[in-house]
Amino acid sequence: MARGWESKGIEEQQAEARVSSSPRQRPLSAEEAAKTRKREGLRLQRERILKQLEAAQNDRYRSTLQAALQELNVQLEALN
């Protein structure tokens, strides 16, 4: 029984060490949070288009996807 308590104490110490060793981030302003959400949304759209582009067989559809991909890349660059 003592071993069980001992291991739980060690687990708690390790968990506290992980929490205290992680750097504290300052809260984001509303503008920064919106920019982060926008960037993440664009990144997800880009991933989806890349997957669709891999599967696309129709040349016209591929060109549409490539144009959309270029536009997303421009928007992502503008956010950085």
PDB file of N, CA and C in Angstrom:
ATOM      1  N   MET A   1       0.820  -1.192   0.000  1.00  0.00           N
ATOM      2  CA  MET A   1       0.000   0.000   0.000  1.00  0.00           C
ATOM      3  C   MET A   1       0.866   1.259   0.000  1.00  0.00           C
ATOM      4  N   ALA A   2       1.968   1.209   0.672  1.00  0.00           N
ATOM      5  CA  ALA A   2       2.856   2.367   0.704  1.00  0.00           C
ATOM      6  C   ALA A   2       3.379   2.685  -0.686  1.00  0.00           C
ATOM      7  N   ARG A   3       3.608   1.657  -1.491  1.00  0.00           N
ATOM      8  CA  ARG A   3       4.102   1.897  -2.849  1.00  0.00           C
ATOM      9  C   ARG A   3       3.078   2.673  -3.673  1.00  0.00           C
ATOM     10  N   GLY A   4       1.815   2.363  -3.503  1.00  0.00           N
ATOM     11  CA  GLY A   4       0.773   3.062  -4.251  1.00  0.00           C
ATOM     12  C   GLY A   4       0.749   4.548  -3.930  1.00  0.00           C
ATOM     13  N   TRP A   5       0.840   4.858  -2.632  1.00  0.00           N
ATOM     14  CA  TRP A   5       0.843   6.264  -2.239  1.00  0.00           C
ATOM     15  C   TRP A   5       2.102   6.954  -2.733  1.00  0.00           C
ATOM     16  N   GLU A   6       3.201   6.240  -2.680  1.00  0.00           N
ATOM     17  CA  GLU A   6       4.468   6.831  -3.114  1.00  0.00           C
ATOM     18  C   GLU A   6       4.428   7.165  -4.602  1.00  0.00           C
ATOM     19  N   SER A   7       3.904   6.240  -5.407  1.00  0.00           N
ATOM     20  CA  SER A   7       3.864   6.487  -6.848  1.00  0.00           C
ATOM     21  C   SER A   7       2.903   7.615  -7.184  1.00  0.00           C
ATOM     22  N   LYS A   8       1.811   7.733  -6.416  1.00  0.00           N
ATOM     23  CA  LYS A   8       0.886   8.834  -6.662  1.00  0.00           C
ATOM     24  C   LYS A   8       1.540  10.170  -6.330  1.00  0.00           C
ATOM     25  N   GLY A   9       2.320  10.196  -5.292  1.00  0.00           N
ATOM     26  CA  GLY A   9       3.040  11.419  -4.924  1.00  0.00           C
ATOM     27  C   GLY A   9       4.019  11.819  -6.009  1.00  0.00           C
ATOM     28  N   ILE A  10       4.686  10.843  -6.575  1.00  0.00           N
ATOM     29  CA  ILE A  10       5.637  11.113  -7.654  1.00  0.00           C
ATOM     30  C   ILE A  10       4.901  11.616  -8.890  1.00  0.00           C
ATOM     31  N   GLU A  11       3.759  10.986  -9.202  1.00  0.00           N
ATOM     32  CA  GLU A  11       2.968  11.445 -10.346  1.00  0.00           C
ATOM     33  C   GLU A  11       2.534  12.895 -10.173  1.00  0.00           C
ATOM     34  N   GLU A  12       2.113  13.246  -8.960  1.00  0.00           N
ATOM     35  CA  GLU A  12       1.698  14.617  -8.699  1.00  0.00           C
ATOM     36  C   GLU A  12       2.862  15.586  -8.853  1.00  0.00           C
ATOM     37  N   GLN A  13       4.029  15.191  -8.369  1.00  0.00           N
ATOM     38  CA  GLN A  13       5.209  16.039  -8.492  1.00  0.00           C
ATOM     39  C   GLN A  13       5.589  16.233  -9.960  1.00  0.00           C
ATOM     40  N   GLN A  14       5.492  15.176 -10.736  1.00  0.00           N
ATOM     41  CA  GLN A  14       5.820  15.283 -12.147  1.00  0.00           C
ATOM     42  C   GLN A  14       4.819  16.173 -12.877  1.00  0.00           C
ATOM     43  N   ALA A  15       3.547  16.038 -12.535  1.00  0.00           N
ATOM     44  CA  ALA A  15       2.522  16.873 -13.159  1.00  0.00           C
ATOM     45  C   ALA A  15       2.744  18.345 -12.810  1.00  0.00           C
ATOM     46  N   GLU A  16       3.070  18.622 -11.552  1.00  0.00           N
ATOM     47  CA  GLU A  16       3.332  20.001 -11.142  1.00  0.00           C
ATOM     48  C   GLU A  16       4.562  20.554 -11.846  1.00  0.00           C
ATOM     49  N   ALA A  17       5.576  19.723 -12.026  1.00  0.00           N
ATOM     50  CA  ALA A  17       6.791  20.169 -12.702  1.00  0.00           C
ATOM     51  C   ALA A  17       6.495  20.518 -14.155  1.00  0.00           C
ATOM     52  N   ARG A  18       5.649  19.704 -14.803  1.00  0.00           N
ATOM     53  CA  ARG A  18       5.294  19.993 -16.200  1.00  0.00           C
ATOM     54  C   ARG A  18       4.550  21.319 -16.305  1.00  0.00           C
ATOM     55  N   VAL A  19       3.616  21.541 -15.401  1.00  0.00           N
ATOM     56  CA  VAL A  19       2.819  22.762 -15.443  1.00  0.00           C
ATOM     57  C   VAL A  19       3.691  23.970 -15.146  1.00  0.00           C
ATOM     58  N   SER A  20       4.546  23.883 -14.151  1.00  0.00           N
ATOM     59  CA  SER A  20       5.351  25.037 -13.771  1.00  0.00           C
ATOM     60  C   SER A  20       6.491  25.290 -14.753  1.00  0.00           C
ATOM     61  N   SER A  21       6.924  24.276 -15.504  1.00  0.00           N
ATOM     62  CA  SER A  21       8.022  24.478 -16.432  1.00  0.00           C
ATOM     63  C   SER A  21       7.555  25.020 -17.775  1.00  0.00           C
ATOM     64  N   SER A  22       6.248  24.913 -18.076  1.00  0.00           N
ATOM     65  CA  SER A  22       5.757  25.436 -19.349  1.00  0.00           C
ATOM     66  C   SER A  22       5.726  26.964 -19.264  1.00  0.00           C
ATOM     67  N   PRO A  23       6.175  27.623 -20.331  1.00  0.00           N
ATOM     68  CA  PRO A  23       6.216  29.087 -20.287  1.00  0.00           C
ATOM     69  C   PRO A  23       4.815  29.677 -20.226  1.00  0.00           C
ATOM     70  N   ARG A  24       4.673  30.697 -19.457  1.00  0.00           N
ATOM     71  CA  ARG A  24       3.372  31.362 -19.323  1.00  0.00           C
ATOM     72  C   ARG A  24       3.195  32.292 -20.514  1.00  0.00           C
ATOM     73  N   GLN A  25       2.044  32.178 -21.149  1.00  0.00           N
ATOM     74  CA  GLN A  25       1.757  33.049 -22.280  1.00  0.00           C
ATOM     75  C   GLN A  25       0.839  34.165 -21.823  1.00  0.00           C
ATOM     76  N   ARG A  26       1.106  35.334 -22.359  1.00  0.00           N
ATOM     77  CA  ARG A  26       0.224  36.453 -22.029  1.00  0.00           C
ATOM     78  C   ARG A  26      -1.072  36.283 -22.803  1.00  0.00           C
ATOM     79  N   PRO A  27      -2.152  36.775 -22.280  1.00  0.00           N
ATOM     80  CA  PRO A  27      -3.431  36.653 -22.995  1.00  0.00           C
ATOM     81  C   PRO A  27      -3.379  37.450 -24.301  1.00  0.00           C
ATOM     82  N   LEU A  28      -4.007  36.907 -25.315  1.00  0.00           N
ATOM     83  CA  LEU A  28      -4.038  37.581 -26.605  1.00  0.00           C
ATOM     84  C   LEU A  28      -5.078  38.691 -26.606  1.00  0.00           C
ATOM     85  N   SER A  29      -4.765  39.765 -27.308  1.00  0.00           N
ATOM     86  CA  SER A  29      -5.766  40.813 -27.476  1.00  0.00           C
ATOM     87  C   SER A  29      -6.831  40.301 -28.441  1.00  0.00           C
ATOM     88  N   ALA A  30      -7.930  41.000 -28.527  1.00  0.00           N
ATOM     89  CA  ALA A  30      -9.013  40.587 -29.422  1.00  0.00           C
ATOM     90  C   ALA A  30      -8.529  40.553 -30.870  1.00  0.00           C
ATOM     91  N   GLU A  31      -7.715  41.530 -31.236  1.00  0.00           N
ATOM     92  CA  GLU A  31      -7.192  41.589 -32.607  1.00  0.00           C
ATOM     93  C   GLU A  31      -6.250  40.419 -32.893  1.00  0.00           C
ATOM     94  N   GLU A  32      -5.378  40.110 -31.935  1.00  0.00           N
ATOM     95  CA  GLU A  32      -4.453  38.985 -32.109  1.00  0.00           C
ATOM     96  C   GLU A  32      -5.201  37.660 -32.181  1.00  0.00           C
ATOM     97  N   ALA A  33      -6.224  37.510 -31.360  1.00  0.00           N
ATOM     98  CA  ALA A  33      -7.014  36.273 -31.363  1.00  0.00           C
ATOM     99  C   ALA A  33      -7.743  36.112 -32.697  1.00  0.00           C
ATOM    100  N   ALA A  34      -8.290  37.201 -33.217  1.00  0.00           N
ATOM    101  CA  ALA A  34      -8.982  37.144 -34.506  1.00  0.00           C
ATOM    102  C   ALA A  34      -8.013  36.785 -35.621  1.00  0.00           C
ATOM    103  N   LYS A  35      -6.833  37.360 -35.565  1.00  0.00           N
ATOM    104  CA  LYS A  35      -5.809  37.073 -36.580  1.00  0.00           C
ATOM    105  C   LYS A  35      -5.376  35.610 -36.508  1.00  0.00           C
ATOM    106  N   THR A  36      -5.237  35.088 -35.308  1.00  0.00           N
ATOM    107  CA  THR A  36      -4.862  33.685 -35.128  1.00  0.00           C
ATOM    108  C   THR A  36      -5.948  32.759 -35.662  1.00  0.00           C
ATOM    109  N   ARG A  37      -7.207  33.072 -35.355  1.00  0.00           N
ATOM    110  CA  ARG A  37      -8.322  32.263 -35.870  1.00  0.00           C
ATOM    111  C   ARG A  37      -8.378  32.303 -37.391  1.00  0.00           C
ATOM    112  N   LYS A  38      -8.181  33.485 -37.956  1.00  0.00           N
ATOM    113  CA  LYS A  38      -8.205  33.644 -39.414  1.00  0.00           C
ATOM    114  C   LYS A  38      -7.085  32.814 -40.054  1.00  0.00           C
ATOM    115  N   ARG A  39      -5.881  32.895 -39.473  1.00  0.00           N
ATOM    116  CA  ARG A  39      -4.736  32.143 -39.999  1.00  0.00           C
ATOM    117  C   ARG A  39      -4.995  30.636 -39.934  1.00  0.00           C
ATOM    118  N   GLU A  40      -5.553  30.183 -38.824  1.00  0.00           N
ATOM    119  CA  GLU A  40      -5.840  28.758 -38.668  1.00  0.00           C
ATOM    120  C   GLU A  40      -6.912  28.305 -39.658  1.00  0.00           C
ATOM    121  N   GLY A  41      -7.933  29.134 -39.867  1.00  0.00           N
ATOM    122  CA  GLY A  41      -8.974  28.810 -40.839  1.00  0.00           C
ATOM    123  C   GLY A  41      -8.416  28.711 -42.249  1.00  0.00           C
ATOM    124  N   LEU A  42      -7.559  29.639 -42.614  1.00  0.00           N
ATOM    125  CA  LEU A  42      -6.930  29.610 -43.938  1.00  0.00           C
ATOM    126  C   LEU A  42      -6.042  28.382 -44.099  1.00  0.00           C
ATOM    127  N   ARG A  43      -5.326  28.049 -43.030  1.00  0.00           N
ATOM    128  CA  ARG A  43      -4.444  26.876 -43.082  1.00  0.00           C
ATOM    129  C   ARG A  43      -5.256  25.598 -43.284  1.00  0.00           C
ATOM    130  N   LEU A  44      -6.386  25.500 -42.596  1.00  0.00           N
ATOM    131  CA  LEU A  44      -7.247  24.322 -42.748  1.00  0.00           C
ATOM    132  C   LEU A  44      -7.855  24.251 -44.152  1.00  0.00           C
ATOM    133  N   GLN A  45      -8.267  25.407 -44.684  1.00  0.00           N
ATOM    134  CA  GLN A  45      -8.790  25.436 -46.049  1.00  0.00           C
ATOM    135  C   GLN A  45      -7.721  24.994 -47.043  1.00  0.00           C
ATOM    136  N   ARG A  46      -6.501  25.445 -46.803  1.00  0.00           N
ATOM    137  CA  ARG A  46      -5.390  25.083 -47.689  1.00  0.00           C
ATOM    138  C   ARG A  46      -5.153  23.577 -47.680  1.00  0.00           C
ATOM    139  N   GLU A  47      -5.172  22.975 -46.490  1.00  0.00           N
ATOM    140  CA  GLU A  47      -5.001  21.520 -46.382  1.00  0.00           C
ATOM    141  C   GLU A  47      -6.104  20.780 -47.133  1.00  0.00           C
ATOM    142  N   ARG A  48      -7.350  21.267 -46.989  1.00  0.00           N
ATOM    143  CA  ARG A  48      -8.477  20.630 -47.665  1.00  0.00           C
ATOM    144  C   ARG A  48      -8.324  20.722 -49.178  1.00  0.00           C
ATOM    145  N   ILE A  49      -7.926  21.868 -49.665  1.00  0.00           N
ATOM    146  CA  ILE A  49      -7.749  22.043 -51.111  1.00  0.00           C
ATOM    147  C   ILE A  49      -6.609  21.170 -51.623  1.00  0.00           C
ATOM    148  N   LEU A  50      -5.537  21.057 -50.852  1.00  0.00           N
ATOM    149  CA  LEU A  50      -4.430  20.191 -51.274  1.00  0.00           C
ATOM    150  C   LEU A  50      -4.886  18.737 -51.402  1.00  0.00           C
ATOM    151  N   LYS A  51      -5.705  18.285 -50.467  1.00  0.00           N
ATOM    152  CA  LYS A  51      -6.218  16.913 -50.538  1.00  0.00           C
ATOM    153  C   LYS A  51      -7.136  16.737 -51.740  1.00  0.00           C
ATOM    154  N   GLN A  52      -7.970  17.734 -51.996  1.00  0.00           N
ATOM    155  CA  GLN A  52      -8.850  17.662 -53.155  1.00  0.00           C
ATOM    156  C   GLN A  52      -8.044  17.684 -54.447  1.00  0.00           C
ATOM    157  N   LEU A  53      -6.975  18.450 -54.455  1.00  0.00           N
ATOM    158  CA  LEU A  53      -6.123  18.542 -55.636  1.00  0.00           C
ATOM    159  C   LEU A  53      -5.450  17.210 -55.940  1.00  0.00           C
ATOM    160  N   GLU A  54      -5.060  16.504 -54.889  1.00  0.00           N
ATOM    161  CA  GLU A  54      -4.453  15.179 -55.074  1.00  0.00           C
ATOM    162  C   GLU A  54      -5.440  14.202 -55.711  1.00  0.00           C
ATOM    163  N   ALA A  55      -6.704  14.315 -55.351  1.00  0.00           N
ATOM    164  CA  ALA A  55      -7.707  13.367 -55.827  1.00  0.00           C
ATOM    165  C   ALA A  55      -8.367  13.791 -57.139  1.00  0.00           C
ATOM    166  N   ALA A  56      -8.226  15.068 -57.503  1.00  0.00           N
ATOM    167  CA  ALA A  56      -8.930  15.590 -58.683  1.00  0.00           C
ATOM    168  C   ALA A  56      -8.364  14.998 -59.971  1.00  0.00           C
ATOM    169  N   GLN A  57      -9.273  14.645 -60.879  1.00  0.00           N
ATOM    170  CA  GLN A  57      -8.862  14.101 -62.173  1.00  0.00           C
ATOM    171  C   GLN A  57      -9.264  15.024 -63.318  1.00  0.00           C
ATOM    172  N   ASN A  58     -10.279  15.822 -63.103  1.00  0.00           N
ATOM    173  CA  ASN A  58     -10.755  16.753 -64.122  1.00  0.00           C
ATOM    174  C   ASN A  58      -9.820  17.964 -64.176  1.00  0.00           C
ATOM    175  N   ASP A  59      -9.296  18.273 -65.365  1.00  0.00           N
ATOM    176  CA  ASP A  59      -8.342  19.373 -65.520  1.00  0.00           C
ATOM    177  C   ASP A  59      -8.935  20.731 -65.158  1.00  0.00           C
ATOM    178  N   ARG A  60     -10.192  20.938 -65.502  1.00  0.00           N
ATOM    179  CA  ARG A  60     -10.825  22.218 -65.174  1.00  0.00           C
ATOM    180  C   ARG A  60     -10.975  22.376 -63.660  1.00  0.00           C
ATOM    181  N   TYR A  61     -11.336  21.307 -62.993  1.00  0.00           N
ATOM    182  CA  TYR A  61     -11.472  21.345 -61.543  1.00  0.00           C
ATOM    183  C   TYR A  61     -10.106  21.561 -60.889  1.00  0.00           C
ATOM    184  N   ARG A  62      -9.093  20.896 -61.430  1.00  0.00           N
ATOM    185  CA  ARG A  62      -7.734  21.069 -60.905  1.00  0.00           C
ATOM    186  C   ARG A  62      -7.278  22.522 -61.027  1.00  0.00           C
ATOM    187  N   SER A  63      -7.566  23.150 -62.161  1.00  0.00           N
ATOM    188  CA  SER A  63      -7.148  24.542 -62.339  1.00  0.00           C
ATOM    189  C   SER A  63      -7.890  25.458 -61.370  1.00  0.00           C
ATOM    190  N   THR A  64      -9.164  25.160 -61.113  1.00  0.00           N
ATOM    191  CA  THR A  64      -9.927  25.937 -60.132  1.00  0.00           C
ATOM    192  C   THR A  64      -9.326  25.786 -58.742  1.00  0.00           C
ATOM    193  N   LEU A  65      -8.979  24.559 -58.392  1.00  0.00           N
ATOM    194  CA  LEU A  65      -8.356  24.309 -57.083  1.00  0.00           C
ATOM    195  C   LEU A  65      -7.000  24.993 -56.969  1.00  0.00           C
ATOM    196  N   GLN A  66      -6.225  24.978 -58.040  1.00  0.00           N
ATOM    197  CA  GLN A  66      -4.912  25.626 -58.014  1.00  0.00           C
ATOM    198  C   GLN A  66      -5.045  27.138 -57.845  1.00  0.00           C
ATOM    199  N   ALA A  67      -6.054  27.720 -58.488  1.00  0.00           N
ATOM    200  CA  ALA A  67      -6.302  29.152 -58.320  1.00  0.00           C
ATOM    201  C   ALA A  67      -6.706  29.465 -56.881  1.00  0.00           C
ATOM    202  N   ALA A  68      -7.544  28.615 -56.311  1.00  0.00           N
ATOM    203  CA  ALA A  68      -7.960  28.801 -54.913  1.00  0.00           C
ATOM    204  C   ALA A  68      -6.764  28.658 -53.983  1.00  0.00           C
ATOM    205  N   LEU A  69      -5.899  27.716 -54.279  1.00  0.00           N
ATOM    206  CA  LEU A  69      -4.699  27.509 -53.470  1.00  0.00           C
ATOM    207  C   LEU A  69      -3.787  28.730 -53.527  1.00  0.00           C
ATOM    208  N   GLN A  70      -3.622  29.301 -54.705  1.00  0.00           N
ATOM    209  CA  GLN A  70      -2.805  30.503 -54.840  1.00  0.00           C
ATOM    210  C   GLN A  70      -3.389  31.650 -54.034  1.00  0.00           C
ATOM    211  N   GLU A  71      -4.701  31.808 -54.090  1.00  0.00           N
ATOM    212  CA  GLU A  71      -5.355  32.874 -53.338  1.00  0.00           C
ATOM    213  C   GLU A  71      -5.168  32.685 -51.828  1.00  0.00           C
ATOM    214  N   LEU A  72      -5.297  31.452 -51.360  1.00  0.00           N
ATOM    215  CA  LEU A  72      -5.078  31.183 -49.935  1.00  0.00           C
ATOM    216  C   LEU A  72      -3.639  31.484 -49.537  1.00  0.00           C
ATOM    217  N   ASN A  73      -2.698  31.132 -50.393  1.00  0.00           N
ATOM    218  CA  ASN A  73      -1.293  31.421 -50.098  1.00  0.00           C
ATOM    219  C   ASN A  73      -1.056  32.922 -49.988  1.00  0.00           C
ATOM    220  N   VAL A  74      -1.686  33.700 -50.860  1.00  0.00           N
ATOM    221  CA  VAL A  74      -1.554  35.160 -50.808  1.00  0.00           C
ATOM    222  C   VAL A  74      -2.131  35.687 -49.502  1.00  0.00           C
ATOM    223  N   GLN A  75      -3.305  35.172 -49.118  1.00  0.00           N
ATOM    224  CA  GLN A  75      -3.935  35.629 -47.866  1.00  0.00           C
ATOM    225  C   GLN A  75      -3.098  35.251 -46.654  1.00  0.00           C
ATOM    226  N   LEU A  76      -2.526  34.054 -46.661  1.00  0.00           N
ATOM    227  CA  LEU A  76      -1.665  33.638 -45.553  1.00  0.00           C
ATOM    228  C   LEU A  76      -0.419  34.506 -45.464  1.00  0.00           C
ATOM    229  N   GLU A  77       0.175  34.827 -46.595  1.00  0.00           N
ATOM    230  CA  GLU A  77       1.350  35.707 -46.603  1.00  0.00           C
ATOM    231  C   GLU A  77       1.002  37.072 -46.049  1.00  0.00           C
ATOM    232  N   ALA A  78      -0.176  37.574 -46.385  1.00  0.00           N
ATOM    233  CA  ALA A  78      -0.597  38.889 -45.912  1.00  0.00           C
ATOM    234  C   ALA A  78      -0.754  38.907 -44.395  1.00  0.00           C
ATOM    235  N   LEU A  79      -1.131  37.784 -43.799  1.00  0.00           N
ATOM    236  CA  LEU A  79      -1.304  37.714 -42.345  1.00  0.00           C
ATOM    237  C   LEU A  79       0.027  37.609 -41.612  1.00  0.00           C
ATOM    238  N   ASN A  80       1.051  37.129 -42.279  1.00  0.00           N
ATOM    239  CA  ASN A  80       2.363  36.969 -41.630  1.00  0.00           C
ATOM    240  C   ASN A  80       3.135  38.222 -41.669  1.00  0.00           C
TER     241      ASN A  80
END
